[in-house]
N, C-alpha and C. Protein backbone atom coordinates (compact mmCIF):
# COMPACT_ATOMS: atom_id res chain seq x y z
N MET A 1 0.84 -1.16 0.00
CA MET A 1 0.00 0.00 0.00
C MET A 1 0.90 1.23 0.00
N ASN A 2 0.60 2.17 -0.91
CA ASN A 2 1.46 3.33 -1.05
C ASN A 2 0.89 4.60 -0.40
N GLY A 3 -0.26 4.56 0.18
CA GLY A 3 -0.82 5.70 0.87
C GLY A 3 -1.68 6.60 0.01
N LEU A 4 -1.74 6.34 -1.29
CA LEU A 4 -2.57 7.19 -2.15
C LEU A 4 -4.04 7.06 -1.82
N ASP A 5 -4.43 5.88 -1.35
CA ASP A 5 -5.84 5.70 -1.01
C ASP A 5 -6.24 6.49 0.24
N GLN A 6 -5.28 7.04 0.92
CA GLN A 6 -5.55 7.83 2.12
C GLN A 6 -5.74 9.31 1.82
N ILE A 7 -5.49 9.70 0.60
CA ILE A 7 -5.63 11.10 0.22
C ILE A 7 -7.09 11.39 -0.05
N GLY A 8 -7.61 12.37 0.65
CA GLY A 8 -9.00 12.76 0.45
C GLY A 8 -9.16 13.59 -0.82
N VAL A 9 -10.21 13.30 -1.54
CA VAL A 9 -10.50 14.03 -2.78
C VAL A 9 -11.88 14.66 -2.64
N ARG A 10 -11.94 15.93 -2.93
CA ARG A 10 -13.21 16.63 -2.88
C ARG A 10 -13.41 17.33 -4.22
N VAL A 11 -14.55 17.08 -4.87
CA VAL A 11 -14.85 17.70 -6.16
C VAL A 11 -15.63 18.97 -5.91
N VAL A 12 -15.12 20.06 -6.43
CA VAL A 12 -15.78 21.35 -6.26
C VAL A 12 -16.15 21.86 -7.65
N THR A 13 -17.39 22.23 -7.81
CA THR A 13 -17.84 22.78 -9.09
C THR A 13 -18.16 24.25 -8.90
N ALA A 14 -17.87 25.00 -9.91
CA ALA A 14 -18.17 26.43 -9.87
C ALA A 14 -19.64 26.65 -10.14
N PRO A 15 -20.25 27.64 -9.55
CA PRO A 15 -21.64 27.94 -9.88
C PRO A 15 -21.75 28.33 -11.35
N ASP A 16 -22.94 28.12 -11.93
CA ASP A 16 -23.14 28.38 -13.36
C ASP A 16 -22.77 29.80 -13.75
N ASP A 17 -23.02 30.76 -12.89
CA ASP A 17 -22.74 32.14 -13.27
C ASP A 17 -21.25 32.47 -13.19
N ALA A 18 -20.44 31.55 -12.65
CA ALA A 18 -19.01 31.78 -12.57
C ALA A 18 -18.29 31.30 -13.83
N ALA A 19 -18.96 30.45 -14.62
CA ALA A 19 -18.35 29.92 -15.84
C ALA A 19 -18.24 31.03 -16.87
N PRO A 20 -17.11 31.13 -17.55
CA PRO A 20 -16.97 32.18 -18.56
C PRO A 20 -17.86 31.91 -19.76
N SER A 21 -18.51 32.93 -20.22
CA SER A 21 -19.36 32.81 -21.40
C SER A 21 -18.52 33.09 -22.65
N TYR A 22 -18.85 32.39 -23.72
CA TYR A 22 -18.16 32.61 -24.99
C TYR A 22 -18.84 33.69 -25.82
N VAL A 23 -19.95 34.20 -25.34
CA VAL A 23 -20.72 35.17 -26.11
C VAL A 23 -19.92 36.44 -26.41
N PRO A 24 -19.23 37.06 -25.46
CA PRO A 24 -18.46 38.26 -25.80
C PRO A 24 -17.42 38.01 -26.90
N ALA A 25 -16.75 36.88 -26.85
CA ALA A 25 -15.76 36.55 -27.88
C ALA A 25 -16.44 36.33 -29.23
N LEU A 26 -17.60 35.68 -29.22
CA LEU A 26 -18.35 35.48 -30.46
C LEU A 26 -18.79 36.81 -31.06
N LEU A 27 -19.25 37.72 -30.22
CA LEU A 27 -19.66 39.03 -30.71
C LEU A 27 -18.49 39.79 -31.32
N ARG A 28 -17.31 39.68 -30.73
CA ARG A 28 -16.11 40.32 -31.29
C ARG A 28 -15.76 39.69 -32.64
N GLU A 29 -15.89 38.37 -32.74
CA GLU A 29 -15.61 37.69 -34.02
C GLU A 29 -16.61 38.12 -35.08
N ILE A 30 -17.88 38.21 -34.71
CA ILE A 30 -18.91 38.66 -35.65
C ILE A 30 -18.63 40.10 -36.07
N GLU A 31 -18.23 40.92 -35.13
CA GLU A 31 -17.88 42.31 -35.45
C GLU A 31 -16.74 42.37 -36.47
N ALA A 32 -15.71 41.55 -36.27
CA ALA A 32 -14.57 41.53 -37.20
C ALA A 32 -15.00 41.04 -38.58
N LEU A 33 -15.84 40.02 -38.62
CA LEU A 33 -16.32 39.51 -39.91
C LEU A 33 -17.20 40.54 -40.61
N LEU A 34 -18.01 41.24 -39.86
CA LEU A 34 -18.88 42.27 -40.44
C LEU A 34 -18.05 43.43 -40.97
N ALA A 35 -17.00 43.81 -40.25
CA ALA A 35 -16.10 44.87 -40.72
C ALA A 35 -15.41 44.43 -42.01
N GLU A 36 -15.03 43.17 -42.10
CA GLU A 36 -14.41 42.63 -43.32
C GLU A 36 -15.40 42.64 -44.48
N LEU A 37 -16.65 42.30 -44.21
CA LEU A 37 -17.68 42.33 -45.25
C LEU A 37 -17.85 43.76 -45.77
N VAL A 38 -17.90 44.72 -44.87
CA VAL A 38 -18.04 46.13 -45.26
C VAL A 38 -16.83 46.59 -46.07
N ALA A 39 -15.63 46.24 -45.61
CA ALA A 39 -14.41 46.73 -46.24
C ALA A 39 -14.10 46.07 -47.57
N SER A 40 -14.34 44.75 -47.67
CA SER A 40 -13.88 44.03 -48.86
C SER A 40 -14.97 43.24 -49.58
N GLY A 41 -16.12 43.10 -48.95
CA GLY A 41 -17.18 42.28 -49.55
C GLY A 41 -16.99 40.80 -49.28
N ARG A 42 -15.97 40.45 -48.50
CA ARG A 42 -15.68 39.03 -48.21
C ARG A 42 -16.63 38.50 -47.13
N ASN A 43 -17.22 37.33 -47.40
CA ASN A 43 -18.13 36.68 -46.47
C ASN A 43 -17.35 35.95 -45.39
N GLY A 44 -18.02 35.68 -44.27
CA GLY A 44 -17.41 34.92 -43.18
C GLY A 44 -18.43 34.00 -42.55
N ARG A 45 -17.92 33.03 -41.79
CA ARG A 45 -18.81 32.04 -41.17
C ARG A 45 -18.20 31.55 -39.88
N ILE A 46 -19.06 31.35 -38.88
CA ILE A 46 -18.65 30.78 -37.61
C ILE A 46 -19.46 29.51 -37.40
N ASP A 47 -18.78 28.40 -37.20
CA ASP A 47 -19.43 27.11 -36.95
C ASP A 47 -19.73 27.01 -35.46
N LEU A 48 -20.97 27.24 -35.09
CA LEU A 48 -21.35 27.24 -33.68
C LEU A 48 -21.22 25.86 -33.05
N ARG A 49 -21.41 24.80 -33.84
CA ARG A 49 -21.33 23.44 -33.29
C ARG A 49 -19.90 23.04 -32.95
N SER A 50 -18.93 23.74 -33.49
CA SER A 50 -17.53 23.40 -33.21
C SER A 50 -16.99 24.11 -31.96
N LEU A 51 -17.81 24.99 -31.38
CA LEU A 51 -17.37 25.77 -30.22
C LEU A 51 -17.86 25.15 -28.92
N PRO A 52 -17.10 25.29 -27.86
CA PRO A 52 -17.52 24.75 -26.57
C PRO A 52 -18.49 25.70 -25.86
N LEU A 53 -19.64 25.93 -26.47
CA LEU A 53 -20.62 26.85 -25.88
C LEU A 53 -21.20 26.26 -24.61
N LEU A 54 -21.45 27.13 -23.66
CA LEU A 54 -22.07 26.72 -22.41
C LEU A 54 -23.58 26.71 -22.57
N PRO A 55 -24.27 25.96 -21.73
CA PRO A 55 -25.73 25.99 -21.81
C PRO A 55 -26.22 27.44 -21.67
N GLY A 56 -27.07 27.82 -22.57
CA GLY A 56 -27.62 29.17 -22.55
C GLY A 56 -26.86 30.18 -23.40
N ASP A 57 -25.62 29.85 -23.82
CA ASP A 57 -24.85 30.79 -24.64
C ASP A 57 -25.55 31.08 -25.97
N ASP A 58 -26.11 30.03 -26.58
CA ASP A 58 -26.76 30.25 -27.88
C ASP A 58 -27.99 31.14 -27.73
N ALA A 59 -28.75 30.94 -26.66
CA ALA A 59 -29.93 31.79 -26.43
C ALA A 59 -29.51 33.23 -26.13
N ARG A 60 -28.43 33.38 -25.38
CA ARG A 60 -27.94 34.73 -25.06
C ARG A 60 -27.45 35.43 -26.33
N LEU A 61 -26.72 34.70 -27.17
CA LEU A 61 -26.23 35.26 -28.42
C LEU A 61 -27.40 35.66 -29.31
N ALA A 62 -28.40 34.78 -29.41
CA ALA A 62 -29.58 35.08 -30.23
C ALA A 62 -30.30 36.33 -29.72
N ALA A 63 -30.41 36.45 -28.40
CA ALA A 63 -31.09 37.63 -27.83
C ALA A 63 -30.30 38.90 -28.11
N LEU A 64 -28.98 38.84 -28.01
CA LEU A 64 -28.15 40.02 -28.25
C LEU A 64 -28.15 40.43 -29.72
N LEU A 65 -28.19 39.45 -30.62
CA LEU A 65 -28.21 39.76 -32.06
C LEU A 65 -29.60 40.22 -32.50
N GLY A 66 -30.63 39.75 -31.83
CA GLY A 66 -31.99 40.16 -32.17
C GLY A 66 -32.52 39.42 -33.39
N GLU A 67 -33.72 39.78 -33.78
CA GLU A 67 -34.38 39.15 -34.92
C GLU A 67 -34.51 40.14 -36.07
N GLY A 68 -34.27 39.65 -37.27
CA GLY A 68 -34.42 40.46 -38.46
C GLY A 68 -35.75 40.21 -39.13
N GLU A 69 -35.83 40.56 -40.39
CA GLU A 69 -37.09 40.49 -41.12
C GLU A 69 -37.25 39.21 -41.93
N VAL A 70 -36.16 38.47 -42.16
CA VAL A 70 -36.22 37.30 -43.04
C VAL A 70 -36.09 36.02 -42.22
N ASP A 71 -36.98 35.08 -42.49
CA ASP A 71 -36.93 33.75 -41.86
C ASP A 71 -37.36 32.77 -42.95
N ALA A 72 -36.38 32.07 -43.52
CA ALA A 72 -36.65 31.18 -44.65
C ALA A 72 -36.45 29.73 -44.24
N ALA A 73 -37.34 28.86 -44.72
CA ALA A 73 -37.23 27.43 -44.46
C ALA A 73 -37.02 26.71 -45.79
N LEU A 74 -36.04 25.81 -45.83
CA LEU A 74 -35.77 25.03 -47.02
C LEU A 74 -35.83 23.56 -46.67
N GLU A 75 -36.29 22.74 -47.59
CA GLU A 75 -36.30 21.30 -47.41
C GLU A 75 -35.40 20.69 -48.47
N VAL A 76 -34.28 20.16 -48.04
CA VAL A 76 -33.36 19.52 -48.98
C VAL A 76 -33.28 18.06 -48.54
N THR A 77 -32.22 17.60 -47.94
CA THR A 77 -32.17 16.25 -47.37
C THR A 77 -32.68 16.26 -45.94
N GLY A 78 -32.83 17.42 -45.42
CA GLY A 78 -33.39 17.69 -44.10
C GLY A 78 -33.79 19.14 -44.12
N GLY A 79 -34.28 19.63 -43.03
CA GLY A 79 -34.71 21.02 -43.00
C GLY A 79 -33.55 21.98 -42.76
N THR A 80 -33.61 23.10 -43.42
CA THR A 80 -32.65 24.18 -43.19
C THR A 80 -33.45 25.43 -42.90
N ARG A 81 -33.03 26.14 -41.85
CA ARG A 81 -33.68 27.39 -41.50
C ARG A 81 -32.64 28.50 -41.57
N VAL A 82 -32.97 29.56 -42.31
CA VAL A 82 -32.08 30.70 -42.47
C VAL A 82 -32.79 31.90 -41.89
N ARG A 83 -32.22 32.45 -40.81
CA ARG A 83 -32.84 33.59 -40.15
C ARG A 83 -31.90 34.77 -40.17
N GLU A 84 -32.42 35.89 -40.59
CA GLU A 84 -31.67 37.13 -40.50
C GLU A 84 -31.73 37.58 -39.04
N THR A 85 -30.60 38.01 -38.52
CA THR A 85 -30.61 38.54 -37.15
C THR A 85 -30.98 40.02 -37.22
N GLY A 86 -31.04 40.67 -36.09
CA GLY A 86 -31.32 42.09 -36.04
C GLY A 86 -30.14 42.94 -36.48
N VAL A 87 -29.04 42.29 -36.82
CA VAL A 87 -27.84 42.99 -37.32
C VAL A 87 -27.75 42.68 -38.81
N ALA A 88 -27.95 43.69 -39.64
CA ALA A 88 -27.91 43.48 -41.09
C ALA A 88 -26.59 42.84 -41.49
N GLY A 89 -26.69 41.79 -42.32
CA GLY A 89 -25.51 41.09 -42.78
C GLY A 89 -25.13 39.90 -41.92
N VAL A 90 -25.83 39.70 -40.80
CA VAL A 90 -25.53 38.58 -39.91
C VAL A 90 -26.73 37.64 -39.91
N TRP A 91 -26.49 36.40 -40.31
CA TRP A 91 -27.53 35.40 -40.49
C TRP A 91 -27.25 34.19 -39.60
N TRP A 92 -28.32 33.57 -39.09
CA TRP A 92 -28.21 32.35 -38.28
C TRP A 92 -28.77 31.22 -39.13
N VAL A 93 -27.93 30.25 -39.48
CA VAL A 93 -28.32 29.17 -40.38
C VAL A 93 -28.24 27.84 -39.63
N THR A 94 -29.35 27.11 -39.62
CA THR A 94 -29.42 25.84 -38.91
C THR A 94 -29.83 24.74 -39.90
N HIS A 95 -29.04 23.66 -39.93
CA HIS A 95 -29.33 22.51 -40.80
C HIS A 95 -29.73 21.33 -39.92
N ALA A 96 -30.78 20.63 -40.34
CA ALA A 96 -31.25 19.45 -39.62
C ALA A 96 -31.20 18.24 -40.55
N ASN A 97 -31.12 17.05 -39.96
CA ASN A 97 -31.17 15.84 -40.77
C ASN A 97 -32.63 15.46 -41.03
N ALA A 98 -32.85 14.32 -41.68
CA ALA A 98 -34.20 13.89 -42.02
C ALA A 98 -35.06 13.66 -40.78
N ASP A 99 -34.43 13.40 -39.63
CA ASP A 99 -35.17 13.17 -38.38
C ASP A 99 -35.44 14.48 -37.63
N GLY A 100 -35.00 15.60 -38.18
CA GLY A 100 -35.23 16.89 -37.54
C GLY A 100 -34.20 17.27 -36.49
N GLU A 101 -33.14 16.46 -36.34
CA GLU A 101 -32.09 16.77 -35.36
C GLU A 101 -31.11 17.76 -35.97
N THR A 102 -30.73 18.79 -35.21
CA THR A 102 -29.78 19.78 -35.68
C THR A 102 -28.42 19.12 -35.87
N VAL A 103 -27.88 19.26 -37.09
CA VAL A 103 -26.57 18.65 -37.40
C VAL A 103 -25.51 19.71 -37.68
N ALA A 104 -25.93 20.93 -37.95
CA ALA A 104 -24.97 22.01 -38.20
C ALA A 104 -25.66 23.34 -37.91
N GLU A 105 -24.86 24.27 -37.38
CA GLU A 105 -25.41 25.58 -37.04
C GLU A 105 -24.30 26.61 -37.23
N PHE A 106 -24.61 27.65 -37.99
CA PHE A 106 -23.61 28.64 -38.36
C PHE A 106 -24.14 30.05 -38.15
N ILE A 107 -23.23 30.95 -37.86
CA ILE A 107 -23.48 32.38 -38.01
C ILE A 107 -22.79 32.72 -39.32
N GLU A 108 -23.53 33.23 -40.28
CA GLU A 108 -22.95 33.63 -41.56
C GLU A 108 -23.01 35.14 -41.67
N VAL A 109 -21.89 35.71 -42.02
CA VAL A 109 -21.81 37.15 -42.21
C VAL A 109 -21.66 37.37 -43.71
N THR A 110 -22.73 37.82 -44.32
CA THR A 110 -22.81 37.92 -45.77
C THR A 110 -24.01 38.78 -46.15
N LEU A 111 -24.04 39.24 -47.38
CA LEU A 111 -25.21 39.99 -47.85
C LEU A 111 -26.41 39.06 -47.98
N VAL A 112 -26.19 37.89 -48.58
CA VAL A 112 -27.22 36.87 -48.73
C VAL A 112 -26.55 35.51 -48.55
N PRO A 113 -27.08 34.65 -47.66
CA PRO A 113 -26.48 33.33 -47.48
C PRO A 113 -26.47 32.53 -48.79
N GLU A 114 -25.39 31.84 -49.02
CA GLU A 114 -25.20 31.09 -50.26
C GLU A 114 -26.34 30.12 -50.52
N ILE A 115 -26.86 29.51 -49.48
CA ILE A 115 -27.92 28.51 -49.65
C ILE A 115 -29.20 29.12 -50.21
N LEU A 116 -29.38 30.43 -50.07
CA LEU A 116 -30.58 31.08 -50.61
C LEU A 116 -30.41 31.52 -52.06
N LYS A 117 -29.18 31.52 -52.55
CA LYS A 117 -28.94 31.94 -53.93
C LYS A 117 -29.32 30.82 -54.89
N THR A 118 -29.91 31.21 -56.00
CA THR A 118 -30.26 30.24 -57.02
C THR A 118 -29.01 29.84 -57.79
N HIS A 119 -28.84 28.54 -57.97
CA HIS A 119 -27.70 28.03 -58.73
C HIS A 119 -27.90 28.37 -60.21
N PRO A 120 -26.85 28.80 -60.91
CA PRO A 120 -26.99 29.17 -62.32
C PRO A 120 -27.62 28.08 -63.20
N GLN A 121 -27.32 26.82 -62.93
CA GLN A 121 -27.93 25.74 -63.72
C GLN A 121 -29.44 25.69 -63.48
N ASP A 122 -29.86 25.95 -62.25
CA ASP A 122 -31.30 25.98 -61.96
C ASP A 122 -31.99 27.12 -62.70
N VAL A 123 -31.30 28.24 -62.88
CA VAL A 123 -31.85 29.36 -63.63
C VAL A 123 -32.03 28.95 -65.09
N ARG A 124 -31.05 28.24 -65.64
CA ARG A 124 -31.16 27.76 -67.04
C ARG A 124 -32.38 26.84 -67.19
N VAL A 125 -32.55 25.93 -66.23
CA VAL A 125 -33.70 25.02 -66.27
C VAL A 125 -34.99 25.81 -66.14
N GLY A 126 -35.00 26.81 -65.27
CA GLY A 126 -36.18 27.66 -65.11
C GLY A 126 -36.54 28.38 -66.39
N LEU A 127 -35.54 28.88 -67.10
CA LEU A 127 -35.78 29.55 -68.38
C LEU A 127 -36.39 28.58 -69.38
N THR A 128 -35.88 27.37 -69.43
CA THR A 128 -36.42 26.35 -70.35
C THR A 128 -37.88 26.06 -70.01
N HIS A 129 -38.19 25.90 -68.72
CA HIS A 129 -39.58 25.63 -68.31
C HIS A 129 -40.49 26.81 -68.63
N LEU A 130 -40.03 28.03 -68.40
CA LEU A 130 -40.85 29.20 -68.69
C LEU A 130 -41.13 29.29 -70.19
N ARG A 131 -40.11 29.05 -71.00
CA ARG A 131 -40.31 29.09 -72.45
C ARG A 131 -41.31 28.03 -72.90
N ALA A 132 -41.26 26.85 -72.28
CA ALA A 132 -42.22 25.79 -72.62
C ALA A 132 -43.64 26.23 -72.24
N ARG A 133 -43.79 26.85 -71.10
CA ARG A 133 -45.12 27.33 -70.67
C ARG A 133 -45.63 28.43 -71.60
N LEU A 134 -44.73 29.32 -72.01
CA LEU A 134 -45.12 30.38 -72.94
C LEU A 134 -45.57 29.79 -74.28
N ALA A 135 -44.84 28.77 -74.73
CA ALA A 135 -45.21 28.12 -75.99
C ALA A 135 -46.58 27.47 -75.86
N GLU A 136 -46.86 26.84 -74.73
CA GLU A 136 -48.17 26.23 -74.50
C GLU A 136 -49.27 27.29 -74.51
N GLN A 137 -48.99 28.42 -73.87
CA GLN A 137 -49.97 29.50 -73.84
C GLN A 137 -50.26 30.03 -75.24
N MET A 138 -49.21 30.14 -76.03
CA MET A 138 -49.38 30.64 -77.40
C MET A 138 -50.24 29.66 -78.20
N GLN A 139 -49.99 28.37 -78.04
CA GLN A 139 -50.77 27.37 -78.76
C GLN A 139 -52.24 27.37 -78.30
N GLU A 140 -52.46 27.51 -77.00
CA GLU A 140 -53.82 27.57 -76.46
C GLU A 140 -54.53 28.82 -76.96
N GLY A 141 -53.82 29.92 -77.07
CA GLY A 141 -54.39 31.16 -77.54
C GLY A 141 -54.79 31.07 -79.00
N GLU A 142 -53.98 30.37 -79.80
CA GLU A 142 -54.30 30.20 -81.22
C GLU A 142 -55.50 29.32 -81.39
N SER A 143 -55.61 28.26 -80.54
CA SER A 143 -56.75 27.34 -80.70
C SER A 143 -58.03 27.97 -80.16
N ASP A 144 -57.92 28.87 -79.20
CA ASP A 144 -59.10 29.57 -78.68
C ASP A 144 -59.63 30.56 -79.69
N GLY A 145 -58.75 31.11 -80.50
CA GLY A 145 -59.13 32.15 -81.45
C GLY A 145 -59.75 31.61 -82.73
N GLU A 146 -59.69 30.32 -82.95
CA GLU A 146 -60.22 29.76 -84.20
C GLU A 146 -61.67 29.48 -84.12
């Protein structure tokens, strides 16, 4: 016996309000990204799921950023929600899997989040579909007039 079993161990935990919040650092990072967007037009992104956020940090950050005017929902392989915050150019983007579980969450600093932009190939397909509909309308109009 080496005496280690005789050493008393007491676990002490800090109260929740004593734990440092990551929110001030996140706000500074958002500020830097927003300044970069203003100065150069360069977009930025913060992966919230990769950060050691404390319980309540995300709600505190959301409250400090506020709510904007845009709230878009997309259905791809799972649900994606794109919310503009109360700070122009700062967006909160949440991706979920098919079961509705959040799998990714980002703060995007950009004029418009990339996921909301129409892909150029989709625009080409849209043009083709519109032209087909116009052609159908023209044919229907000719047959109505006879």
